[in-house]
């Protein structure tokens, strides 16, 4: 189920490949041991225009959307596992954040054709 949405400054493409970003989210999510491999989804959203306070500091912000029902401890472990994988990319001068967001089970619908 988890949807890993990676917002990032487009200027990072000279420092790291999009595939490496997706892989970091995937491996971190898998390492949390909360999900099976085939259920992990990822997508990238590059931003051409952005600010961070008064600067143009590169950033990566990962939002992991999961169905409700996990404990605070599990959500924190997921966040930490994903952050750990992104730190392995050895990027410097970057703001790196991970957020776990719950999707209410009762309002979530899915169809696969």
PDB file of N, CA and C in Angstrom:
ATOM      1  N   UNK A   1       0.792  -1.201   0.000  1.00  0.00           N
ATOM      2  CA  UNK A   1       0.000   0.000   0.000  1.00  0.00           C
ATOM      3  C   UNK A   1       0.833   1.263   0.000  1.00  0.00           C
ATOM      4  N   UNK A   2       1.940   1.365   0.689  1.00  0.00           N
ATOM      5  CA  UNK A   2       2.475   2.711   0.877  1.00  0.00           C
ATOM      6  C   UNK A   2       2.759   3.404  -0.457  1.00  0.00           C
ATOM      7  N   UNK A   3       2.397   4.681  -0.486  1.00  0.00           N
ATOM      8  CA  UNK A   3       2.707   5.530  -1.634  1.00  0.00           C
ATOM      9  C   UNK A   3       3.827   6.453  -1.176  1.00  0.00           C
ATOM     10  N   UNK A   4       4.997   6.329  -1.780  1.00  0.00           N
ATOM     11  CA  UNK A   4       6.144   7.172  -1.452  1.00  0.00           C
ATOM     12  C   UNK A   4       6.228   8.273  -2.503  1.00  0.00           C
ATOM     13  N   UNK A   5       5.971   9.482  -2.087  1.00  0.00           N
ATOM     14  CA  UNK A   5       5.975  10.630  -2.991  1.00  0.00           C
ATOM     15  C   UNK A   5       7.187  11.480  -2.632  1.00  0.00           C
ATOM     16  N   UNK A   6       8.086  11.617  -3.574  1.00  0.00           N
ATOM     17  CA  UNK A   6       9.339  12.310  -3.320  1.00  0.00           C
ATOM     18  C   UNK A   6       9.315  13.662  -4.025  1.00  0.00           C
ATOM     19  N   UNK A   7       9.167  14.714  -3.243  1.00  0.00           N
ATOM     20  CA  UNK A   7       9.300  16.076  -3.747  1.00  0.00           C
ATOM     21  C   UNK A   7      10.779  16.425  -3.637  1.00  0.00           C
ATOM     22  N   UNK A   8      11.344  17.029  -4.682  1.00  0.00           N
ATOM     23  CA  UNK A   8      12.766  17.371  -4.623  1.00  0.00           C
ATOM     24  C   UNK A   8      13.081  18.528  -5.554  1.00  0.00           C
ATOM     25  N   UNK A   9      14.159  19.221  -5.246  1.00  0.00           N
ATOM     26  CA  UNK A   9      14.589  20.312  -6.113  1.00  0.00           C
ATOM     27  C   UNK A   9      15.172  19.713  -7.386  1.00  0.00           C
ATOM     28  N   UNK A  10      14.699  20.190  -8.517  1.00  0.00           N
ATOM     29  CA  UNK A  10      15.113  19.643  -9.813  1.00  0.00           C
ATOM     30  C   UNK A  10      16.611  19.784 -10.045  1.00  0.00           C
ATOM     31  N   UNK A  11      17.240  20.724  -9.375  1.00  0.00           N
ATOM     32  CA  UNK A  11      18.682  20.915  -9.526  1.00  0.00           C
ATOM     33  C   UNK A  11      19.485  19.720  -9.000  1.00  0.00           C
ATOM     34  N   UNK A  12      18.853  18.851  -8.247  1.00  0.00           N
ATOM     35  CA  UNK A  12      19.544  17.667  -7.715  1.00  0.00           C
ATOM     36  C   UNK A  12      19.896  16.638  -8.789  1.00  0.00           C
ATOM     37  N   UNK A  13      19.283  16.722  -9.959  1.00  0.00           N
ATOM     38  CA  UNK A  13      19.539  15.710 -10.994  1.00  0.00           C
ATOM     39  C   UNK A  13      20.996  15.683 -11.432  1.00  0.00           C
ATOM     40  N   UNK A  14      21.738  16.736 -11.145  1.00  0.00           N
ATOM     41  CA  UNK A  14      23.176  16.728 -11.457  1.00  0.00           C
ATOM     42  C   UNK A  14      23.980  16.009 -10.375  1.00  0.00           C
ATOM     43  N   UNK A  15      23.353  15.739  -9.236  1.00  0.00           N
ATOM     44  CA  UNK A  15      24.035  15.114  -8.099  1.00  0.00           C
ATOM     45  C   UNK A  15      23.596  13.681  -7.821  1.00  0.00           C
ATOM     46  N   UNK A  16      22.350  13.355  -8.213  1.00  0.00           N
ATOM     47  CA  UNK A  16      21.803  12.034  -7.917  1.00  0.00           C
ATOM     48  C   UNK A  16      20.749  11.693  -8.969  1.00  0.00           C
ATOM     49  N   UNK A  17      20.688  10.435  -9.348  1.00  0.00           N
ATOM     50  CA  UNK A  17      19.729  10.034 -10.382  1.00  0.00           C
ATOM     51  C   UNK A  17      18.323   9.863  -9.790  1.00  0.00           C
ATOM     52  N   UNK A  18      17.314  10.085 -10.606  1.00  0.00           N
ATOM     53  CA  UNK A  18      15.946   9.833 -10.143  1.00  0.00           C
ATOM     54  C   UNK A  18      15.770   8.382  -9.669  1.00  0.00           C
ATOM     55  N   UNK A  19      16.418   7.457 -10.352  1.00  0.00           N
ATOM     56  CA  UNK A  19      16.329   6.047  -9.953  1.00  0.00           C
ATOM     57  C   UNK A  19      16.880   5.839  -8.542  1.00  0.00           C
ATOM     58  N   UNK A  20      17.961   6.530  -8.200  1.00  0.00           N
ATOM     59  CA  UNK A  20      18.545   6.404  -6.855  1.00  0.00           C
ATOM     60  C   UNK A  20      17.591   6.950  -5.795  1.00  0.00           C
ATOM     61  N   UNK A  21      16.880   8.024  -6.118  1.00  0.00           N
ATOM     62  CA  UNK A  21      15.901   8.580  -5.175  1.00  0.00           C
ATOM     63  C   UNK A  21      14.758   7.596  -4.938  1.00  0.00           C
ATOM     64  N   UNK A  22      14.228   7.052  -6.025  1.00  0.00           N
ATOM     65  CA  UNK A  22      13.149   6.064  -5.890  1.00  0.00           C
ATOM     66  C   UNK A  22      13.618   4.834  -5.121  1.00  0.00           C
ATOM     67  N   UNK A  23      14.839   4.397  -5.396  1.00  0.00           N
ATOM     68  CA  UNK A  23      15.378   3.213  -4.729  1.00  0.00           C
ATOM     69  C   UNK A  23      15.556   3.451  -3.227  1.00  0.00           C
ATOM     70  N   UNK A  24      16.004   4.635  -2.846  1.00  0.00           N
ATOM     71  CA  UNK A  24      16.179   4.940  -1.424  1.00  0.00           C
ATOM     72  C   UNK A  24      14.844   4.862  -0.686  1.00  0.00           C
ATOM     73  N   UNK A  25      13.792   5.412  -1.298  1.00  0.00           N
ATOM     74  CA  UNK A  25      12.465   5.343  -0.670  1.00  0.00           C
ATOM     75  C   UNK A  25      11.980   3.906  -0.599  1.00  0.00           C
ATOM     76  N   UNK A  26      12.188   3.160  -1.668  1.00  0.00           N
ATOM     77  CA  UNK A  26      11.734   1.771  -1.727  1.00  0.00           C
ATOM     78  C   UNK A  26      12.449   0.913  -0.672  1.00  0.00           C
ATOM     79  N   UNK A  27      13.778   0.985  -0.652  1.00  0.00           N
ATOM     80  CA  UNK A  27      14.556   0.156   0.288  1.00  0.00           C
ATOM     81  C   UNK A  27      14.251   0.553   1.730  1.00  0.00           C
ATOM     82  N   UNK A  28      14.177   1.841   2.003  1.00  0.00           N
ATOM     83  CA  UNK A  28      13.850   2.283   3.363  1.00  0.00           C
ATOM     84  C   UNK A  28      12.485   1.790   3.809  1.00  0.00           C
ATOM     85  N   UNK A  29      11.504   1.885   2.924  1.00  0.00           N
ATOM     86  CA  UNK A  29      10.153   1.411   3.252  1.00  0.00           C
ATOM     87  C   UNK A  29      10.157  -0.096   3.474  1.00  0.00           C
ATOM     88  N   UNK A  30      10.856  -0.816   2.621  1.00  0.00           N
ATOM     89  CA  UNK A  30      10.954  -2.269   2.771  1.00  0.00           C
ATOM     90  C   UNK A  30      11.670  -2.645   4.062  1.00  0.00           C
ATOM     91  N   UNK A  31      12.738  -1.907   4.397  1.00  0.00           N
ATOM     92  CA  UNK A  31      13.503  -2.196   5.619  1.00  0.00           C
ATOM     93  C   UNK A  31      12.696  -1.966   6.896  1.00  0.00           C
ATOM     94  N   UNK A  32      11.617  -1.207   6.804  1.00  0.00           N
ATOM     95  CA  UNK A  32      10.772  -0.982   7.987  1.00  0.00           C
ATOM     96  C   UNK A  32      10.068  -2.261   8.408  1.00  0.00           C
ATOM     97  N   UNK A  33      10.005  -3.229   7.506  1.00  0.00           N
ATOM     98  CA  UNK A  33       9.341  -4.515   7.733  1.00  0.00           C
ATOM     99  C   UNK A  33       7.843  -4.385   8.010  1.00  0.00           C
ATOM    100  N   UNK A  34       7.257  -3.292   7.510  1.00  0.00           N
ATOM    101  CA  UNK A  34       5.823  -3.080   7.674  1.00  0.00           C
ATOM    102  C   UNK A  34       5.041  -3.435   6.420  1.00  0.00           C
ATOM    103  N   UNK A  35       5.751  -3.590   5.288  1.00  0.00           N
ATOM    104  CA  UNK A  35       5.088  -3.797   4.005  1.00  0.00           C
ATOM    105  C   UNK A  35       5.830  -4.848   3.190  1.00  0.00           C
ATOM    106  N   UNK A  36       5.105  -5.463   2.258  1.00  0.00           N
ATOM    107  CA  UNK A  36       5.760  -6.402   1.347  1.00  0.00           C
ATOM    108  C   UNK A  36       6.210  -5.639   0.095  1.00  0.00           C
ATOM    109  N   UNK A  37       7.226  -6.169  -0.553  1.00  0.00           N
ATOM    110  CA  UNK A  37       7.887  -5.486  -1.664  1.00  0.00           C
ATOM    111  C   UNK A  37       6.933  -5.054  -2.773  1.00  0.00           C
ATOM    112  N   UNK A  38       6.035  -5.915  -3.174  1.00  0.00           N
ATOM    113  CA  UNK A  38       5.153  -5.614  -4.305  1.00  0.00           C
ATOM    114  C   UNK A  38       4.122  -4.522  -4.016  1.00  0.00           C
ATOM    115  N   UNK A  39       3.929  -4.179  -2.759  1.00  0.00           N
ATOM    116  CA  UNK A  39       2.924  -3.176  -2.409  1.00  0.00           C
ATOM    117  C   UNK A  39       3.483  -1.749  -2.347  1.00  0.00           C
ATOM    118  N   UNK A  40       4.797  -1.605  -2.418  1.00  0.00           N
ATOM    119  CA  UNK A  40       5.427  -0.286  -2.272  1.00  0.00           C
ATOM    120  C   UNK A  40       5.420   0.452  -3.607  1.00  0.00           C
ATOM    121  N   UNK A  41       4.852   1.644  -3.606  1.00  0.00           N
ATOM    122  CA  UNK A  41       4.762   2.462  -4.816  1.00  0.00           C
ATOM    123  C   UNK A  41       5.574   3.736  -4.619  1.00  0.00           C
ATOM    124  N   UNK A  42       6.184   4.225  -5.695  1.00  0.00           N
ATOM    125  CA  UNK A  42       6.975   5.446  -5.586  1.00  0.00           C
ATOM    126  C   UNK A  42       6.782   6.344  -6.784  1.00  0.00           C
ATOM    127  N   UNK A  43       6.896   7.637  -6.538  1.00  0.00           N
ATOM    128  CA  UNK A  43       6.856   8.603  -7.631  1.00  0.00           C
ATOM    129  C   UNK A  43       7.635   9.852  -7.220  1.00  0.00           C
ATOM    130  N   UNK A  44       8.117  10.526  -8.248  1.00  0.00           N
ATOM    131  CA  UNK A  44       8.935  11.714  -8.050  1.00  0.00           C
ATOM    132  C   UNK A  44       8.214  12.959  -8.532  1.00  0.00           C
ATOM    133  N   UNK A  45       8.411  14.052  -7.812  1.00  0.00           N
ATOM    134  CA  UNK A  45       7.855  15.338  -8.210  1.00  0.00           C
ATOM    135  C   UNK A  45       8.985  16.373  -8.117  1.00  0.00           C
ATOM    136  N   UNK A  46       9.641  16.662  -9.267  1.00  0.00           N
ATOM    137  CA  UNK A  46      10.715  17.663  -9.237  1.00  0.00           C
ATOM    138  C   UNK A  46      10.149  19.085  -9.235  1.00  0.00           C
ATOM    139  N   UNK A  47      10.782  19.966  -8.498  1.00  0.00           N
ATOM    140  CA  UNK A  47      10.366  21.361  -8.442  1.00  0.00           C
ATOM    141  C   UNK A  47      11.443  22.236  -9.054  1.00  0.00           C
ATOM    142  N   UNK A  48      11.065  22.987 -10.073  1.00  0.00           N
ATOM    143  CA  UNK A  48      11.974  23.927 -10.722  1.00  0.00           C
ATOM    144  C   UNK A  48      12.101  25.211  -9.902  1.00  0.00           C
ATOM    145  N   UNK A  49      11.018  25.621  -9.279  1.00  0.00           N
ATOM    146  CA  UNK A  49      10.969  26.884  -8.549  1.00  0.00           C
ATOM    147  C   UNK A  49      10.644  26.596  -7.092  1.00  0.00           C
ATOM    148  N   UNK A  50      11.504  27.069  -6.199  1.00  0.00           N
ATOM    149  CA  UNK A  50      11.319  26.806  -4.775  1.00  0.00           C
ATOM    150  C   UNK A  50      12.172  27.775  -3.968  1.00  0.00           C
ATOM    151  N   UNK A  51      11.834  27.930  -2.707  1.00  0.00           N
ATOM    152  CA  UNK A  51      12.670  28.666  -1.767  1.00  0.00           C
ATOM    153  C   UNK A  51      12.696  27.900  -0.461  1.00  0.00           C
ATOM    154  N   UNK A  52      13.702  28.159   0.304  1.00  0.00           N
ATOM    155  CA  UNK A  52      13.817  27.594   1.650  1.00  0.00           C
ATOM    156  C   UNK A  52      14.261  28.749   2.542  1.00  0.00           C
ATOM    157  N   UNK A  53      13.281  29.447   3.090  1.00  0.00           N
ATOM    158  CA  UNK A  53      13.606  30.678   3.810  1.00  0.00           C
ATOM    159  C   UNK A  53      14.064  31.720   2.804  1.00  0.00           C
ATOM    160  N   UNK A  54      15.277  32.188   2.969  1.00  0.00           N
ATOM    161  CA  UNK A  54      15.818  33.200   2.050  1.00  0.00           C
ATOM    162  C   UNK A  54      16.827  32.619   1.073  1.00  0.00           C
ATOM    163  N   UNK A  55      16.911  31.285   0.999  1.00  0.00           N
ATOM    164  CA  UNK A  55      17.920  30.666   0.142  1.00  0.00           C
ATOM    165  C   UNK A  55      17.298  29.723  -0.883  1.00  0.00           C
ATOM    166  N   UNK A  56      18.133  29.172  -1.735  1.00  0.00           N
ATOM    167  CA  UNK A  56      17.733  28.191  -2.749  1.00  0.00           C
ATOM    168  C   UNK A  56      18.360  26.832  -2.415  1.00  0.00           C
ATOM    169  N   UNK A  57      18.367  26.440  -1.168  1.00  0.00           N
ATOM    170  CA  UNK A  57      18.974  25.184  -0.755  1.00  0.00           C
ATOM    171  C   UNK A  57      18.219  24.005  -1.362  1.00  0.00           C
ATOM    172  N   UNK A  58      18.970  23.059  -1.935  1.00  0.00           N
ATOM    173  CA  UNK A  58      18.349  21.846  -2.463  1.00  0.00           C
ATOM    174  C   UNK A  58      17.602  21.126  -1.352  1.00  0.00           C
ATOM    175  N   UNK A  59      16.573  20.388  -1.751  1.00  0.00           N
ATOM    176  CA  UNK A  59      15.776  19.673  -0.750  1.00  0.00           C
ATOM    177  C   UNK A  59      15.245  18.361  -1.315  1.00  0.00           C
ATOM    178  N   UNK A  60      14.961  17.464  -0.399  1.00  0.00           N
ATOM    179  CA  UNK A  60      14.187  16.251  -0.663  1.00  0.00           C
ATOM    180  C   UNK A  60      13.190  16.137   0.483  1.00  0.00           C
ATOM    181  N   UNK A  61      11.927  16.029   0.136  1.00  0.00           N
ATOM    182  CA  UNK A  61      10.881  15.820   1.140  1.00  0.00           C
ATOM    183  C   UNK A  61      10.082  14.598   0.706  1.00  0.00           C
ATOM    184  N   UNK A  62      10.136  13.557   1.524  1.00  0.00           N
ATOM    185  CA  UNK A  62       9.451  12.308   1.216  1.00  0.00           C
ATOM    186  C   UNK A  62       8.178  12.226   2.046  1.00  0.00           C
ATOM    187  N   UNK A  63       7.060  12.030   1.362  1.00  0.00           N
ATOM    188  CA  UNK A  63       5.777  11.811   2.028  1.00  0.00           C
ATOM    189  C   UNK A  63       5.408  10.355   1.784  1.00  0.00           C
ATOM    190  N   UNK A  64       5.194   9.620   2.855  1.00  0.00           N
ATOM    191  CA  UNK A  64       4.798   8.216   2.734  1.00  0.00           C
ATOM    192  C   UNK A  64       3.364   8.115   3.231  1.00  0.00           C
ATOM    193  N   UNK A  65       2.477   7.827   2.306  1.00  0.00           N
ATOM    194  CA  UNK A  65       1.057   7.709   2.646  1.00  0.00           C
ATOM    195  C   UNK A  65       0.738   6.246   2.902  1.00  0.00           C
ATOM    196  N   UNK A  66       0.202   5.979   4.092  1.00  0.00           N
ATOM    197  CA  UNK A  66      -0.139   4.609   4.485  1.00  0.00           C
ATOM    198  C   UNK A  66      -1.570   4.583   5.034  1.00  0.00           C
ATOM    199  N   UNK A  67      -2.168   3.418   4.976  1.00  0.00           N
ATOM    200  CA  UNK A  67      -3.502   3.275   5.568  1.00  0.00           C
ATOM    201  C   UNK A  67      -3.418   3.410   7.081  1.00  0.00           C
ATOM    202  N   UNK A  68      -4.442   3.963   7.684  1.00  0.00           N
ATOM    203  CA  UNK A  68      -4.483   4.150   9.129  1.00  0.00           C
ATOM    204  C   UNK A  68      -4.411   2.807   9.851  1.00  0.00           C
ATOM    205  N   UNK A  69      -3.965   2.867  11.088  1.00  0.00           N
ATOM    206  CA  UNK A  69      -3.935   1.666  11.915  1.00  0.00           C
ATOM    207  C   UNK A  69      -2.566   1.322  12.483  1.00  0.00           C
ATOM    208  N   UNK A  70      -1.515   1.946  11.975  1.00  0.00           N
ATOM    209  CA  UNK A  70      -0.171   1.686  12.510  1.00  0.00           C
ATOM    210  C   UNK A  70       0.038   2.511  13.780  1.00  0.00           C
ATOM    211  N   UNK A  71       0.877   2.016  14.649  1.00  0.00           N
ATOM    212  CA  UNK A  71       1.180   2.731  15.891  1.00  0.00           C
ATOM    213  C   UNK A  71       2.147   3.891  15.612  1.00  0.00           C
ATOM    214  N   UNK A  72       2.239   4.803  16.571  1.00  0.00           N
ATOM    215  CA  UNK A  72       3.215   5.895  16.461  1.00  0.00           C
ATOM    216  C   UNK A  72       4.626   5.340  16.328  1.00  0.00           C
ATOM    217  N   UNK A  73       4.915   4.304  17.071  1.00  0.00           N
ATOM    218  CA  UNK A  73       6.243   3.683  17.033  1.00  0.00           C
ATOM    219  C   UNK A  73       6.539   3.117  15.635  1.00  0.00           C
ATOM    220  N   UNK A  74       5.565   2.465  15.023  1.00  0.00           N
ATOM    221  CA  UNK A  74       5.750   1.916  13.675  1.00  0.00           C
ATOM    222  C   UNK A  74       5.949   3.028  12.649  1.00  0.00           C
ATOM    223  N   UNK A  75       5.172   4.101  12.758  1.00  0.00           N
ATOM    224  CA  UNK A  75       5.304   5.217  11.815  1.00  0.00           C
ATOM    225  C   UNK A  75       6.658   5.900  11.971  1.00  0.00           C
ATOM    226  N   UNK A  76       7.126   6.035  13.194  1.00  0.00           N
ATOM    227  CA  UNK A  76       8.443   6.641  13.437  1.00  0.00           C
ATOM    228  C   UNK A  76       9.549   5.741  12.889  1.00  0.00           C
ATOM    229  N   UNK A  77       9.416   4.435  13.067  1.00  0.00           N
ATOM    230  CA  UNK A  77      10.411   3.490  12.540  1.00  0.00           C
ATOM    231  C   UNK A  77      10.451   3.562  11.016  1.00  0.00           C
ATOM    232  N   UNK A  78       9.305   3.692  10.380  1.00  0.00           N
ATOM    233  CA  UNK A  78       9.237   3.837   8.932  1.00  0.00           C
ATOM    234  C   UNK A  78       9.949   5.111   8.487  1.00  0.00           C
ATOM    235  N   UNK A  79       9.637   6.210   9.120  1.00  0.00           N
ATOM    236  CA  UNK A  79      10.260   7.488   8.807  1.00  0.00           C
ATOM    237  C   UNK A  79      11.784   7.400   8.949  1.00  0.00           C
ATOM    238  N   UNK A  80      12.247   6.824  10.044  1.00  0.00           N
ATOM    239  CA  UNK A  80      13.687   6.688  10.283  1.00  0.00           C
ATOM    240  C   UNK A  80      14.354   5.775   9.256  1.00  0.00           C
ATOM    241  N   UNK A  81      13.695   4.683   8.892  1.00  0.00           N
ATOM    242  CA  UNK A  81      14.270   3.739   7.923  1.00  0.00           C
ATOM    243  C   UNK A  81      14.446   4.407   6.562  1.00  0.00           C
ATOM    244  N   UNK A  82      13.472   5.201   6.154  1.00  0.00           N
ATOM    245  CA  UNK A  82      13.567   5.905   4.873  1.00  0.00           C
ATOM    246  C   UNK A  82      14.632   6.998   4.947  1.00  0.00           C
ATOM    247  N   UNK A  83      14.665   7.756   6.027  1.00  0.00           N
ATOM    248  CA  UNK A  83      15.677   8.795   6.196  1.00  0.00           C
ATOM    249  C   UNK A  83      17.085   8.186   6.147  1.00  0.00           C
ATOM    250  N   UNK A  84      17.270   7.047   6.773  1.00  0.00           N
ATOM    251  CA  UNK A  84      18.569   6.366   6.753  1.00  0.00           C
ATOM    252  C   UNK A  84      19.021   6.066   5.337  1.00  0.00           C
ATOM    253  N   UNK A  85      18.121   5.585   4.500  1.00  0.00           N
ATOM    254  CA  UNK A  85      18.491   5.262   3.112  1.00  0.00           C
ATOM    255  C   UNK A  85      18.852   6.515   2.322  1.00  0.00           C
ATOM    256  N   UNK A  86      18.156   7.601   2.557  1.00  0.00           N
ATOM    257  CA  UNK A  86      18.475   8.838   1.849  1.00  0.00           C
ATOM    258  C   UNK A  86      19.816   9.415   2.305  1.00  0.00           C
ATOM    259  N   UNK A  87      20.167   9.241   3.568  1.00  0.00           N
ATOM    260  CA  UNK A  87      21.464   9.744   4.027  1.00  0.00           C
ATOM    261  C   UNK A  87      22.612   8.972   3.381  1.00  0.00           C
ATOM    262  N   UNK A  88      22.359   7.740   2.970  1.00  0.00           N
ATOM    263  CA  UNK A  88      23.388   6.943   2.289  1.00  0.00           C
ATOM    264  C   UNK A  88      23.729   7.484   0.904  1.00  0.00           C
ATOM    265  N   UNK A  89      22.914   8.389   0.378  1.00  0.00           N
ATOM    266  CA  UNK A  89      23.198   8.993  -0.921  1.00  0.00           C
ATOM    267  C   UNK A  89      24.326  10.024  -0.825  1.00  0.00           C
ATOM    268  N   UNK A  90      24.712  10.364   0.408  1.00  0.00           N
ATOM    269  CA  UNK A  90      25.835  11.277   0.676  1.00  0.00           C
ATOM    270  C   UNK A  90      25.697  12.619  -0.044  1.00  0.00           C
ATOM    271  N   UNK A  91      24.523  13.177  -0.010  1.00  0.00           N
ATOM    272  CA  UNK A  91      24.300  14.502  -0.588  1.00  0.00           C
ATOM    273  C   UNK A  91      24.649  15.567   0.445  1.00  0.00           C
ATOM    274  N   UNK A  92      25.267  16.643   0.004  1.00  0.00           N
ATOM    275  CA  UNK A  92      25.616  17.711   0.939  1.00  0.00           C
ATOM    276  C   UNK A  92      24.816  18.966   0.619  1.00  0.00           C
ATOM    277  N   UNK A  93      24.755  19.858   1.583  1.00  0.00           N
ATOM    278  CA  UNK A  93      24.018  21.124   1.455  1.00  0.00           C
ATOM    279  C   UNK A  93      22.585  20.892   0.989  1.00  0.00           C
ATOM    280  N   UNK A  94      21.893  20.034   1.727  1.00  0.00           N
ATOM    281  CA  UNK A  94      20.532  19.656   1.347  1.00  0.00           C
ATOM    282  C   UNK A  94      19.648  19.563   2.590  1.00  0.00           C
ATOM    283  N   UNK A  95      18.397  19.936   2.436  1.00  0.00           N
ATOM    284  CA  UNK A  95      17.398  19.728   3.474  1.00  0.00           C
ATOM    285  C   UNK A  95      16.692  18.413   3.151  1.00  0.00           C
ATOM    286  N   UNK A  96      16.734  17.471   4.069  1.00  0.00           N
ATOM    287  CA  UNK A  96      16.164  16.141   3.855  1.00  0.00           C
ATOM    288  C   UNK A  96      15.142  15.851   4.946  1.00  0.00           C
ATOM    289  N   UNK A  97      13.881  15.644   4.537  1.00  0.00           N
ATOM    290  CA  UNK A  97      12.813  15.388   5.497  1.00  0.00           C
ATOM    291  C   UNK A  97      11.941  14.226   5.035  1.00  0.00           C
ATOM    292  N   UNK A  98      11.378  13.517   6.010  1.00  0.00           N
ATOM    293  CA  UNK A  98      10.479  12.397   5.732  1.00  0.00           C
ATOM    294  C   UNK A  98       9.244  12.557   6.618  1.00  0.00           C
ATOM    295  N   UNK A  99       8.083  12.373   6.017  1.00  0.00           N
ATOM    296  CA  UNK A  99       6.814  12.528   6.716  1.00  0.00           C
ATOM    297  C   UNK A  99       5.940  11.311   6.422  1.00  0.00           C
ATOM    298  N   UNK A 100       5.342  10.736   7.448  1.00  0.00           N
ATOM    299  CA  UNK A 100       4.410   9.626   7.270  1.00  0.00           C
ATOM    300  C   UNK A 100       3.003  10.169   7.512  1.00  0.00           C
ATOM    301  N   UNK A 101       2.142   9.965   6.530  1.00  0.00           N
ATOM    302  CA  UNK A 101       0.778  10.490   6.577  1.00  0.00           C
ATOM    303  C   UNK A 101      -0.190   9.318   6.499  1.00  0.00           C
ATOM    304  N   UNK A 102      -1.175   9.318   7.381  1.00  0.00           N
ATOM    305  CA  UNK A 102      -2.176   8.259   7.360  1.00  0.00           C
ATOM    306  C   UNK A 102      -3.341   8.598   6.435  1.00  0.00           C
ATOM    307  N   UNK A 103      -3.755   7.602   5.684  1.00  0.00           N
ATOM    308  CA  UNK A 103      -4.960   7.684   4.870  1.00  0.00           C
ATOM    309  C   UNK A 103      -6.037   6.916   5.636  1.00  0.00           C
ATOM    310  N   UNK A 104      -7.149   7.549   5.884  1.00  0.00           N
ATOM    311  CA  UNK A 104      -8.238   6.898   6.607  1.00  0.00           C
ATOM    312  C   UNK A 104      -8.735   5.699   5.806  1.00  0.00           C
ATOM    313  N   UNK A 105      -8.674   4.505   6.406  1.00  0.00           N
ATOM    314  CA  UNK A 105      -9.078   3.266   5.724  1.00  0.00           C
ATOM    315  C   UNK A 105     -10.482   3.345   5.136  1.00  0.00           C
ATOM    316  N   UNK A 106     -11.372   3.951   5.886  1.00  0.00           N
ATOM    317  CA  UNK A 106     -12.775   3.930   5.504  1.00  0.00           C
ATOM    318  C   UNK A 106     -13.090   4.837   4.308  1.00  0.00           C
ATOM    319  N   UNK A 107     -12.182   5.740   3.985  1.00  0.00           N
ATOM    320  CA  UNK A 107     -12.434   6.628   2.853  1.00  0.00           C
ATOM    321  C   UNK A 107     -11.549   6.305   1.651  1.00  0.00           C
ATOM    322  N   UNK A 108     -10.736   5.266   1.765  1.00  0.00           N
ATOM    323  CA  UNK A 108      -9.822   4.891   0.687  1.00  0.00           C
ATOM    324  C   UNK A 108     -10.478   3.873  -0.232  1.00  0.00           C
ATOM    325  N   UNK A 109     -10.423   4.139  -1.517  1.00  0.00           N
ATOM    326  CA  UNK A 109     -10.955   3.220  -2.524  1.00  0.00           C
ATOM    327  C   UNK A 109      -9.844   2.898  -3.512  1.00  0.00           C
ATOM    328  N   UNK A 110      -9.891   1.696  -4.077  1.00  0.00           N
ATOM    329  CA  UNK A 110      -8.865   1.286  -5.020  1.00  0.00           C
ATOM    330  C   UNK A 110      -9.483   0.376  -6.072  1.00  0.00           C
ATOM    331  N   UNK A 111      -9.005   0.538  -7.312  1.00  0.00           N
ATOM    332  CA  UNK A 111      -9.424  -0.351  -8.397  1.00  0.00           C
ATOM    333  C   UNK A 111      -8.207  -0.593  -9.281  1.00  0.00           C
ATOM    334  N   UNK A 112      -7.933  -1.840  -9.603  1.00  0.00           N
ATOM    335  CA  UNK A 112      -6.847  -2.186 -10.489  1.00  0.00           C
ATOM    336  C   UNK A 112      -7.441  -2.938 -11.669  1.00  0.00           C
ATOM    337  N   UNK A 113      -7.203  -2.449 -12.870  1.00  0.00           N
ATOM    338  CA  UNK A 113      -7.712  -3.106 -14.079  1.00  0.00           C
ATOM    339  C   UNK A 113      -6.635  -3.973 -14.689  1.00  0.00           C
TER     340      UNK A 113
END
